[in-house]
C-alpha cells in the first residue's frame, strides 16, 4: 500500500509531539464524574441552575480532556482555549463562582 504524499504546505509545519498530561486528565475525569454523580453541584441555593458555573466547569472539563489525552491544537486560539493553563483558570473561576460570592 502506498502512502499519500504530503502537500507542499503540510511539509513546512512541524508536528507537535505531546504526551498524556495526567493532571489535566484527572481534573477532567473528576469534573465528569462529579457532575454525573451529583448534578446539584451546578445549582444555586434556591434550586435554579447556575449557568455560569456550568459553563466554566464544562470549559475546564473540555480543556482537561483535550490536553489530557495529549492533543495540542495547531491554531493559537484553540491552543489557548484548550491548554492545561486554561483548565486551571476555568476551574479557579468555577470555584470562585461556587464559593466566592
PDB file of N, CA and C in Angstrom:
ATOM      1  N   UNK A   1       0.833  -1.161   0.000  1.00  0.00           N
ATOM      2  CA  UNK A   1       0.000   0.000   0.000  1.00  0.00           C
ATOM      3  C   UNK A   1       0.888   1.237   0.000  1.00  0.00           C
ATOM      4  N   UNK A   2       0.549   2.167  -0.828  1.00  0.00           N
ATOM      5  CA  UNK A   2       1.347   3.371  -0.971  1.00  0.00           C
ATOM      6  C   UNK A   2       0.821   4.465  -0.053  1.00  0.00           C
ATOM      7  N   UNK A   3       1.713   5.197   0.604  1.00  0.00           N
ATOM      8  CA  UNK A   3       1.292   6.284   1.493  1.00  0.00           C
ATOM      9  C   UNK A   3       1.033   7.540   0.675  1.00  0.00           C
ATOM     10  N   UNK A   4       0.056   8.335   1.059  1.00  0.00           N
ATOM     11  CA  UNK A   4      -0.223   9.562   0.322  1.00  0.00           C
ATOM     12  C   UNK A   4       0.911  10.566   0.495  1.00  0.00           C
ATOM     13  N   UNK A   5       1.134  11.332  -0.523  1.00  0.00           N
ATOM     14  CA  UNK A   5       2.194  12.327  -0.499  1.00  0.00           C
ATOM     15  C   UNK A   5       1.713  13.565   0.242  1.00  0.00           C
ATOM     16  N   UNK A   6       2.629  14.215   0.903  1.00  0.00           N
ATOM     17  CA  UNK A   6       2.293  15.429   1.636  1.00  0.00           C
ATOM     18  C   UNK A   6       2.130  16.599   0.682  1.00  0.00           C
ATOM     19  N   UNK A   7       1.177  17.449   0.982  1.00  0.00           N
ATOM     20  CA  UNK A   7       1.044  18.689   0.228  1.00  0.00           C
ATOM     21  C   UNK A   7       2.203  19.605   0.605  1.00  0.00           C
ATOM     22  N   UNK A   8       2.489  20.566  -0.236  1.00  0.00           N
ATOM     23  CA  UNK A   8       3.648  21.416  -0.006  1.00  0.00           C
ATOM     24  C   UNK A   8       3.521  22.222   1.285  1.00  0.00           C
ATOM     25  N   UNK A   9       2.301  22.655   1.646  1.00  0.00           N
ATOM     26  CA  UNK A   9       2.169  23.442   2.883  1.00  0.00           C
ATOM     27  C   UNK A   9       2.216  22.555   4.119  1.00  0.00           C
ATOM     28  N   UNK A  10       1.906  21.261   4.012  1.00  0.00           N
ATOM     29  CA  UNK A  10       1.979  20.362   5.152  1.00  0.00           C
ATOM     30  C   UNK A  10       3.427  20.054   5.531  1.00  0.00           C
ATOM     31  N   UNK A  11       4.318  20.116   4.582  1.00  0.00           N
ATOM     32  CA  UNK A  11       5.701  19.778   4.848  1.00  0.00           C
ATOM     33  C   UNK A  11       6.396  20.855   5.676  1.00  0.00           C
ATOM     34  N   UNK A  12       5.891  22.085   5.639  1.00  0.00           N
ATOM     35  CA  UNK A  12       6.544  23.159   6.373  1.00  0.00           C
ATOM     36  C   UNK A  12       6.109  23.220   7.827  1.00  0.00           C
ATOM     37  N   UNK A  13       5.014  22.580   8.184  1.00  0.00           N
ATOM     38  CA  UNK A  13       4.505  22.613   9.552  1.00  0.00           C
ATOM     39  C   UNK A  13       5.102  21.442  10.315  1.00  0.00           C
ATOM     40  N   UNK A  14       5.833  21.774  11.363  1.00  0.00           N
ATOM     41  CA  UNK A  14       6.427  20.722  12.180  1.00  0.00           C
ATOM     42  C   UNK A  14       5.368  20.165  13.126  1.00  0.00           C
ATOM     43  N   UNK A  15       5.250  18.861  13.209  1.00  0.00           N
ATOM     44  CA  UNK A  15       4.260  18.290  14.116  1.00  0.00           C
ATOM     45  C   UNK A  15       4.648  18.524  15.571  1.00  0.00           C
ATOM     46  N   UNK A  16       3.651  18.748  16.386  1.00  0.00           N
ATOM     47  CA  UNK A  16       3.875  18.931  17.818  1.00  0.00           C
ATOM     48  C   UNK A  16       3.674  17.575  18.486  1.00  0.00           C
ATOM     49  N   UNK A  17       4.704  17.107  19.143  1.00  0.00           N
ATOM     50  CA  UNK A  17       4.623  15.816  19.810  1.00  0.00           C
ATOM     51  C   UNK A  17       4.253  16.052  21.260  1.00  0.00           C
ATOM     52  N   UNK A  18       3.113  15.554  21.649  1.00  0.00           N
ATOM     53  CA  UNK A  18       2.651  15.707  23.024  1.00  0.00           C
ATOM     54  C   UNK A  18       2.296  14.339  23.581  1.00  0.00           C
ATOM     55  N   UNK A  19       2.400  14.254  24.872  1.00  0.00           N
ATOM     56  CA  UNK A  19       2.032  13.005  25.528  1.00  0.00           C
ATOM     57  C   UNK A  19       0.878  13.276  26.478  1.00  0.00           C
ATOM     58  N   UNK A  20       0.421  12.240  27.120  1.00  0.00           N
ATOM     59  CA  UNK A  20      -0.693  12.370  28.054  1.00  0.00           C
ATOM     60  C   UNK A  20      -0.276  13.300  29.192  1.00  0.00           C
ATOM     61  N   UNK A  21      -1.155  14.244  29.508  1.00  0.00           N
ATOM     62  CA  UNK A  21      -0.932  15.181  30.603  1.00  0.00           C
ATOM     63  C   UNK A  21      -1.865  14.772  31.731  1.00  0.00           C
ATOM     64  N   UNK A  22      -1.332  13.992  32.648  1.00  0.00           N
ATOM     65  CA  UNK A  22      -2.139  13.337  33.668  1.00  0.00           C
ATOM     66  C   UNK A  22      -2.907  14.296  34.584  1.00  0.00           C
ATOM     67  N   UNK A  23      -2.327  15.417  35.058  1.00  0.00           N
ATOM     68  CA  UNK A  23      -3.113  16.304  35.919  1.00  0.00           C
ATOM     69  C   UNK A  23      -4.370  16.853  35.230  1.00  0.00           C
ATOM     70  N   UNK A  24      -4.249  17.262  33.993  1.00  0.00           N
ATOM     71  CA  UNK A  24      -5.408  17.778  33.258  1.00  0.00           C
ATOM     72  C   UNK A  24      -6.445  16.686  33.041  1.00  0.00           C
ATOM     73  N   UNK A  25      -5.989  15.501  32.721  1.00  0.00           N
ATOM     74  CA  UNK A  25      -6.904  14.392  32.503  1.00  0.00           C
ATOM     75  C   UNK A  25      -7.643  14.017  33.790  1.00  0.00           C
ATOM     76  N   UNK A  26      -6.949  14.040  34.913  1.00  0.00           N
ATOM     77  CA  UNK A  26      -7.590  13.720  36.188  1.00  0.00           C
ATOM     78  C   UNK A  26      -8.619  14.770  36.589  1.00  0.00           C
ATOM     79  N   UNK A  27      -8.313  16.051  36.330  1.00  0.00           N
ATOM     80  CA  UNK A  27      -9.287  17.111  36.608  1.00  0.00           C
ATOM     81  C   UNK A  27     -10.522  16.922  35.747  1.00  0.00           C
ATOM     82  N   UNK A  28     -10.325  16.632  34.470  1.00  0.00           N
ATOM     83  CA  UNK A  28     -11.458  16.443  33.561  1.00  0.00           C
ATOM     84  C   UNK A  28     -12.313  15.250  33.984  1.00  0.00           C
ATOM     85  N   UNK A  29     -11.681  14.161  34.353  1.00  0.00           N
ATOM     86  CA  UNK A  29     -12.435  12.984  34.789  1.00  0.00           C
ATOM     87  C   UNK A  29     -13.172  13.240  36.099  1.00  0.00           C
ATOM     88  N   UNK A  30     -12.552  14.004  37.007  1.00  0.00           N
ATOM     89  CA  UNK A  30     -13.215  14.334  38.270  1.00  0.00           C
ATOM     90  C   UNK A  30     -14.441  15.211  38.035  1.00  0.00           C
ATOM     91  N   UNK A  31     -14.335  16.182  37.139  1.00  0.00           N
ATOM     92  CA  UNK A  31     -15.486  17.036  36.825  1.00  0.00           C
ATOM     93  C   UNK A  31     -16.577  16.208  36.158  1.00  0.00           C
ATOM     94  N   UNK A  32     -16.184  15.335  35.245  1.00  0.00           N
ATOM     95  CA  UNK A  32     -17.157  14.500  34.551  1.00  0.00           C
ATOM     96  C   UNK A  32     -17.907  13.591  35.525  1.00  0.00           C
ATOM     97  N   UNK A  33     -17.178  12.906  36.387  1.00  0.00           N
ATOM     98  CA  UNK A  33     -17.811  12.010  37.349  1.00  0.00           C
ATOM     99  C   UNK A  33     -18.603  12.783  38.403  1.00  0.00           C
ATOM    100  N   UNK A  34     -18.039  13.892  38.885  1.00  0.00           N
ATOM    101  CA  UNK A  34     -18.735  14.694  39.888  1.00  0.00           C
ATOM    102  C   UNK A  34     -20.034  15.271  39.369  1.00  0.00           C
ATOM    103  N   UNK A  35     -20.028  15.767  38.134  1.00  0.00           N
ATOM    104  CA  UNK A  35     -21.248  16.303  37.541  1.00  0.00           C
ATOM    105  C   UNK A  35     -22.265  15.229  37.218  1.00  0.00           C
ATOM    106  N   UNK A  36     -21.799  14.017  36.952  1.00  0.00           N
ATOM    107  CA  UNK A  36     -22.723  12.917  36.671  1.00  0.00           C
ATOM    108  C   UNK A  36     -23.329  12.345  37.952  1.00  0.00           C
ATOM    109  N   UNK A  37     -22.518  12.211  38.981  1.00  0.00           N
ATOM    110  CA  UNK A  37     -22.992  11.627  40.233  1.00  0.00           C
ATOM    111  C   UNK A  37     -23.807  12.632  41.042  1.00  0.00           C
ATOM    112  N   UNK A  38     -23.350  13.890  41.080  1.00  0.00           N
ATOM    113  CA  UNK A  38     -24.016  14.897  41.898  1.00  0.00           C
ATOM    114  C   UNK A  38     -24.258  16.153  41.062  1.00  0.00           C
ATOM    115  N   UNK A  39     -25.275  16.157  40.198  1.00  0.00           N
ATOM    116  CA  UNK A  39     -25.519  17.316  39.333  1.00  0.00           C
ATOM    117  C   UNK A  39     -25.998  18.555  40.086  1.00  0.00           C
ATOM    118  N   UNK A  40     -26.396  18.389  41.346  1.00  0.00           N
ATOM    119  CA  UNK A  40     -26.837  19.534  42.143  1.00  0.00           C
ATOM    120  C   UNK A  40     -25.680  20.479  42.449  1.00  0.00           C
ATOM    121  N   UNK A  41     -24.461  20.048  42.154  1.00  0.00           N
ATOM    122  CA  UNK A  41     -23.293  20.902  42.318  1.00  0.00           C
ATOM    123  C   UNK A  41     -23.414  22.154  41.450  1.00  0.00           C
ATOM    124  N   UNK A  42     -24.108  22.046  40.329  1.00  0.00           N
ATOM    125  CA  UNK A  42     -24.226  23.164  39.391  1.00  0.00           C
ATOM    126  C   UNK A  42     -25.538  23.926  39.570  1.00  0.00           C
ATOM    127  N   UNK A  43     -26.036  23.949  40.810  1.00  0.00           N
ATOM    128  CA  UNK A  43     -27.268  24.683  41.094  1.00  0.00           C
ATOM    129  C   UNK A  43     -26.997  25.752  42.141  1.00  0.00           C
ATOM    130  N   UNK A  44     -27.840  26.759  42.138  1.00  0.00           N
ATOM    131  CA  UNK A  44     -27.787  27.794  43.162  1.00  0.00           C
ATOM    132  C   UNK A  44     -28.475  27.282  44.424  1.00  0.00           C
ATOM    133  N   UNK A  45     -28.385  28.062  45.479  1.00  0.00           N
ATOM    134  CA  UNK A  45     -29.001  27.666  46.753  1.00  0.00           C
ATOM    135  C   UNK A  45     -30.519  27.598  46.653  1.00  0.00           C
ATOM    136  N   UNK A  46     -31.108  28.415  45.765  1.00  0.00           N
ATOM    137  CA  UNK A  46     -32.568  28.405  45.633  1.00  0.00           C
ATOM    138  C   UNK A  46     -33.075  27.309  44.693  1.00  0.00           C
ATOM    139  N   UNK A  47     -32.204  26.488  44.156  1.00  0.00           N
ATOM    140  CA  UNK A  47     -32.609  25.359  43.322  1.00  0.00           C
ATOM    141  C   UNK A  47     -32.604  25.629  41.834  1.00  0.00           C
ATOM    142  N   UNK A  48     -32.266  26.844  41.410  1.00  0.00           N
ATOM    143  CA  UNK A  48     -32.192  27.152  39.977  1.00  0.00           C
ATOM    144  C   UNK A  48     -30.814  26.789  39.441  1.00  0.00           C
ATOM    145  N   UNK A  49     -30.751  26.615  38.150  1.00  0.00           N
ATOM    146  CA  UNK A  49     -29.484  26.253  37.507  1.00  0.00           C
ATOM    147  C   UNK A  49     -28.517  27.434  37.535  1.00  0.00           C
ATOM    148  N   UNK A  50     -27.264  27.151  37.806  1.00  0.00           N
ATOM    149  CA  UNK A  50     -26.209  28.161  37.815  1.00  0.00           C
ATOM    150  C   UNK A  50     -25.461  28.020  36.487  1.00  0.00           C
ATOM    151  N   UNK A  51     -25.920  28.747  35.480  1.00  0.00           N
ATOM    152  CA  UNK A  51     -25.396  28.566  34.120  1.00  0.00           C
ATOM    153  C   UNK A  51     -23.936  28.982  33.993  1.00  0.00           C
ATOM    154  N   UNK A  52     -23.537  30.040  34.680  1.00  0.00           N
ATOM    155  CA  UNK A  52     -22.134  30.468  34.607  1.00  0.00           C
ATOM    156  C   UNK A  52     -21.212  29.409  35.191  1.00  0.00           C
ATOM    157  N   UNK A  53     -21.615  28.820  36.293  1.00  0.00           N
ATOM    158  CA  UNK A  53     -20.825  27.760  36.903  1.00  0.00           C
ATOM    159  C   UNK A  53     -20.752  26.543  35.990  1.00  0.00           C
ATOM    160  N   UNK A  54     -21.888  26.162  35.412  1.00  0.00           N
ATOM    161  CA  UNK A  54     -21.899  25.014  34.496  1.00  0.00           C
ATOM    162  C   UNK A  54     -21.010  25.275  33.286  1.00  0.00           C
ATOM    163  N   UNK A  55     -21.058  26.497  32.745  1.00  0.00           N
ATOM    164  CA  UNK A  55     -20.233  26.840  31.587  1.00  0.00           C
ATOM    165  C   UNK A  55     -18.747  26.723  31.910  1.00  0.00           C
ATOM    166  N   UNK A  56     -18.324  27.270  33.049  1.00  0.00           N
ATOM    167  CA  UNK A  56     -16.901  27.202  33.375  1.00  0.00           C
ATOM    168  C   UNK A  56     -16.461  25.783  33.709  1.00  0.00           C
ATOM    169  N   UNK A  57     -17.324  25.004  34.335  1.00  0.00           N
ATOM    170  CA  UNK A  57     -16.964  23.605  34.600  1.00  0.00           C
ATOM    171  C   UNK A  57     -16.863  22.787  33.314  1.00  0.00           C
ATOM    172  N   UNK A  58     -17.765  23.051  32.380  1.00  0.00           N
ATOM    173  CA  UNK A  58     -17.694  22.336  31.098  1.00  0.00           C
ATOM    174  C   UNK A  58     -16.463  22.761  30.309  1.00  0.00           C
ATOM    175  N   UNK A  59     -16.104  24.041  30.385  1.00  0.00           N
ATOM    176  CA  UNK A  59     -14.880  24.506  29.729  1.00  0.00           C
ATOM    177  C   UNK A  59     -13.655  23.845  30.365  1.00  0.00           C
ATOM    178  N   UNK A  60     -13.605  23.793  31.699  1.00  0.00           N
ATOM    179  CA  UNK A  60     -12.476  23.154  32.375  1.00  0.00           C
ATOM    180  C   UNK A  60     -12.401  21.672  32.015  1.00  0.00           C
ATOM    181  N   UNK A  61     -13.559  21.020  31.950  1.00  0.00           N
ATOM    182  CA  UNK A  61     -13.586  19.602  31.597  1.00  0.00           C
ATOM    183  C   UNK A  61     -13.116  19.396  30.153  1.00  0.00           C
ATOM    184  N   UNK A  62     -13.583  20.233  29.246  1.00  0.00           N
ATOM    185  CA  UNK A  62     -13.187  20.105  27.834  1.00  0.00           C
ATOM    186  C   UNK A  62     -11.697  20.360  27.658  1.00  0.00           C
ATOM    187  N   UNK A  63     -11.195  21.429  28.277  1.00  0.00           N
ATOM    188  CA  UNK A  63      -9.766  21.735  28.170  1.00  0.00           C
ATOM    189  C   UNK A  63      -8.936  20.623  28.797  1.00  0.00           C
ATOM    190  N   UNK A  64      -9.399  20.084  29.913  1.00  0.00           N
ATOM    191  CA  UNK A  64      -8.675  18.991  30.555  1.00  0.00           C
ATOM    192  C   UNK A  64      -8.649  17.733  29.707  1.00  0.00           C
ATOM    193  N   UNK A  65      -9.757  17.436  29.059  1.00  0.00           N
ATOM    194  CA  UNK A  65      -9.798  16.246  28.193  1.00  0.00           C
ATOM    195  C   UNK A  65      -8.898  16.419  26.967  1.00  0.00           C
ATOM    196  N   UNK A  66      -8.996  17.588  26.332  1.00  0.00           N
ATOM    197  CA  UNK A  66      -8.194  17.814  25.120  1.00  0.00           C
ATOM    198  C   UNK A  66      -6.706  17.752  25.440  1.00  0.00           C
ATOM    199  N   UNK A  67      -6.292  18.484  26.466  1.00  0.00           N
ATOM    200  CA  UNK A  67      -4.871  18.487  26.828  1.00  0.00           C
ATOM    201  C   UNK A  67      -4.469  17.174  27.501  1.00  0.00           C
ATOM    202  N   UNK A  68      -5.394  16.593  28.248  1.00  0.00           N
ATOM    203  CA  UNK A  68      -5.084  15.379  28.992  1.00  0.00           C
ATOM    204  C   UNK A  68      -4.761  14.184  28.116  1.00  0.00           C
ATOM    205  N   UNK A  69      -5.431  14.071  26.984  1.00  0.00           N
ATOM    206  CA  UNK A  69      -5.137  12.942  26.092  1.00  0.00           C
ATOM    207  C   UNK A  69      -3.936  13.214  25.200  1.00  0.00           C
ATOM    208  N   UNK A  70      -3.382  14.416  25.289  1.00  0.00           N
ATOM    209  CA  UNK A  70      -2.169  14.723  24.550  1.00  0.00           C
ATOM    210  C   UNK A  70      -2.362  15.474  23.253  1.00  0.00           C
ATOM    211  N   UNK A  71      -3.560  15.941  22.989  1.00  0.00           N
ATOM    212  CA  UNK A  71      -3.804  16.684  21.758  1.00  0.00           C
ATOM    213  C   UNK A  71      -3.457  18.144  21.972  1.00  0.00           C
ATOM    214  N   UNK A  72      -2.657  18.707  21.080  1.00  0.00           N
ATOM    215  CA  UNK A  72      -2.310  20.121  21.117  1.00  0.00           C
ATOM    216  C   UNK A  72      -2.727  20.720  19.777  1.00  0.00           C
ATOM    217  N   UNK A  73      -3.745  21.596  19.776  1.00  0.00           N
ATOM    218  CA  UNK A  73      -4.206  22.175  18.513  1.00  0.00           C
ATOM    219  C   UNK A  73      -3.124  23.021  17.847  1.00  0.00           C
ATOM    220  N   UNK A  74      -3.213  23.167  16.530  1.00  0.00           N
ATOM    221  CA  UNK A  74      -2.242  23.970  15.791  1.00  0.00           C
ATOM    222  C   UNK A  74      -2.517  25.458  15.894  1.00  0.00           C
ATOM    223  N   UNK A  75      -3.773  25.847  15.797  1.00  0.00           N
ATOM    224  CA  UNK A  75      -4.120  27.274  15.831  1.00  0.00           C
ATOM    225  C   UNK A  75      -3.938  27.811  17.252  1.00  0.00           C
ATOM    226  N   UNK A  76      -3.381  29.000  17.350  1.00  0.00           N
ATOM    227  CA  UNK A  76      -3.069  29.549  18.670  1.00  0.00           C
ATOM    228  C   UNK A  76      -4.311  29.814  19.503  1.00  0.00           C
ATOM    229  N   UNK A  77      -5.429  30.183  18.885  1.00  0.00           N
ATOM    230  CA  UNK A  77      -6.650  30.460  19.646  1.00  0.00           C
ATOM    231  C   UNK A  77      -7.180  29.186  20.294  1.00  0.00           C
ATOM    232  N   UNK A  78      -7.213  28.096  19.536  1.00  0.00           N
ATOM    233  CA  UNK A  78      -7.668  26.817  20.097  1.00  0.00           C
ATOM    234  C   UNK A  78      -6.673  26.289  21.112  1.00  0.00           C
ATOM    235  N   UNK A  79      -5.397  26.520  20.853  1.00  0.00           N
ATOM    236  CA  UNK A  79      -4.365  26.089  21.796  1.00  0.00           C
ATOM    237  C   UNK A  79      -4.510  26.824  23.122  1.00  0.00           C
ATOM    238  N   UNK A  80      -4.881  28.105  23.054  1.00  0.00           N
ATOM    239  CA  UNK A  80      -5.094  28.887  24.263  1.00  0.00           C
ATOM    240  C   UNK A  80      -6.336  28.422  25.025  1.00  0.00           C
ATOM    241  N   UNK A  81      -7.421  28.149  24.311  1.00  0.00           N
ATOM    242  CA  UNK A  81      -8.666  27.739  24.957  1.00  0.00           C
ATOM    243  C   UNK A  81      -8.615  26.333  25.546  1.00  0.00           C
ATOM    244  N   UNK A  82      -7.815  25.464  24.968  1.00  0.00           N
ATOM    245  CA  UNK A  82      -7.785  24.065  25.408  1.00  0.00           C
ATOM    246  C   UNK A  82      -6.425  23.644  25.947  1.00  0.00           C
ATOM    247  N   UNK A  83      -5.775  24.533  26.683  1.00  0.00           N
ATOM    248  CA  UNK A  83      -4.483  24.211  27.294  1.00  0.00           C
ATOM    249  C   UNK A  83      -4.685  23.774  28.738  1.00  0.00           C
ATOM    250  N   UNK A  84      -3.636  23.301  29.333  1.00  0.00           N
ATOM    251  CA  UNK A  84      -3.689  22.946  30.740  1.00  0.00           C
ATOM    252  C   UNK A  84      -3.892  24.166  31.622  1.00  0.00           C
ATOM    253  N   UNK A  85      -3.304  25.287  31.209  1.00  0.00           N
ATOM    254  CA  UNK A  85      -3.469  26.531  31.970  1.00  0.00           C
ATOM    255  C   UNK A  85      -4.900  27.035  31.922  1.00  0.00           C
ATOM    256  N   UNK A  86      -5.563  26.895  30.781  1.00  0.00           N
ATOM    257  CA  UNK A  86      -6.963  27.333  30.710  1.00  0.00           C
ATOM    258  C   UNK A  86      -7.860  26.404  31.524  1.00  0.00           C
ATOM    259  N   UNK A  87      -7.484  25.156  31.648  1.00  0.00           N
ATOM    260  CA  UNK A  87      -8.217  24.227  32.509  1.00  0.00           C
ATOM    261  C   UNK A  87      -8.147  24.693  33.959  1.00  0.00           C
ATOM    262  N   UNK A  88      -6.963  25.079  34.403  1.00  0.00           N
ATOM    263  CA  UNK A  88      -6.794  25.576  35.767  1.00  0.00           C
ATOM    264  C   UNK A  88      -7.541  26.889  35.958  1.00  0.00           C
ATOM    265  N   UNK A  89      -7.448  27.783  34.970  1.00  0.00           N
ATOM    266  CA  UNK A  89      -8.123  29.075  35.073  1.00  0.00           C
ATOM    267  C   UNK A  89      -9.637  28.901  35.148  1.00  0.00           C
ATOM    268  N   UNK A  90     -10.190  28.046  34.304  1.00  0.00           N
ATOM    269  CA  UNK A  90     -11.639  27.813  34.320  1.00  0.00           C
ATOM    270  C   UNK A  90     -12.063  27.143  35.624  1.00  0.00           C
ATOM    271  N   UNK A  91     -11.238  26.270  36.155  1.00  0.00           N
ATOM    272  CA  UNK A  91     -11.545  25.634  37.427  1.00  0.00           C
ATOM    273  C   UNK A  91     -11.501  26.655  38.565  1.00  0.00           C
ATOM    274  N   UNK A  92     -10.568  27.594  38.511  1.00  0.00           N
ATOM    275  CA  UNK A  92     -10.493  28.645  39.524  1.00  0.00           C
ATOM    276  C   UNK A  92     -11.710  29.563  39.451  1.00  0.00           C
ATOM    277  N   UNK A  93     -12.125  29.919  38.237  1.00  0.00           N
ATOM    278  CA  UNK A  93     -13.325  30.747  38.081  1.00  0.00           C
ATOM    279  C   UNK A  93     -14.556  29.997  38.587  1.00  0.00           C
ATOM    280  N   UNK A  94     -14.637  28.708  38.301  1.00  0.00           N
ATOM    281  CA  UNK A  94     -15.768  27.909  38.790  1.00  0.00           C
ATOM    282  C   UNK A  94     -15.784  27.859  40.312  1.00  0.00           C
ATOM    283  N   UNK A  95     -14.621  27.720  40.926  1.00  0.00           N
ATOM    284  CA  UNK A  95     -14.548  27.743  42.386  1.00  0.00           C
ATOM    285  C   UNK A  95     -14.966  29.082  42.952  1.00  0.00           C
ATOM    286  N   UNK A  96     -14.564  30.149  42.300  1.00  0.00           N
ATOM    287  CA  UNK A  96     -14.973  31.487  42.747  1.00  0.00           C
ATOM    288  C   UNK A  96     -16.473  31.681  42.585  1.00  0.00           C
ATOM    289  N   UNK A  97     -17.034  31.204  41.476  1.00  0.00           N
ATOM    290  CA  UNK A  97     -18.475  31.325  41.276  1.00  0.00           C
ATOM    291  C   UNK A  97     -19.255  30.505  42.302  1.00  0.00           C
ATOM    292  N   UNK A  98     -18.729  29.362  42.671  1.00  0.00           N
ATOM    293  CA  UNK A  98     -19.439  28.482  43.603  1.00  0.00           C
ATOM    294  C   UNK A  98     -19.339  28.964  45.048  1.00  0.00           C
ATOM    295  N   UNK A  99     -18.117  29.342  45.471  1.00  0.00           N
ATOM    296  CA  UNK A  99     -17.931  29.658  46.882  1.00  0.00           C
ATOM    297  C   UNK A  99     -17.448  31.085  47.134  1.00  0.00           C
ATOM    298  N   UNK A 100     -17.129  31.817  46.072  1.00  0.00           N
ATOM    299  CA  UNK A 100     -16.506  33.124  46.263  1.00  0.00           C
ATOM    300  C   UNK A 100     -17.440  34.262  46.600  1.00  0.00           C
ATOM    301  N   UNK A 101     -18.635  34.248  46.091  1.00  0.00           N
ATOM    302  CA  UNK A 101     -19.539  35.396  46.370  1.00  0.00           C
ATOM    303  C   UNK A 101     -20.918  34.962  46.689  1.00  0.00           C
TER     304      UNK A 101
END
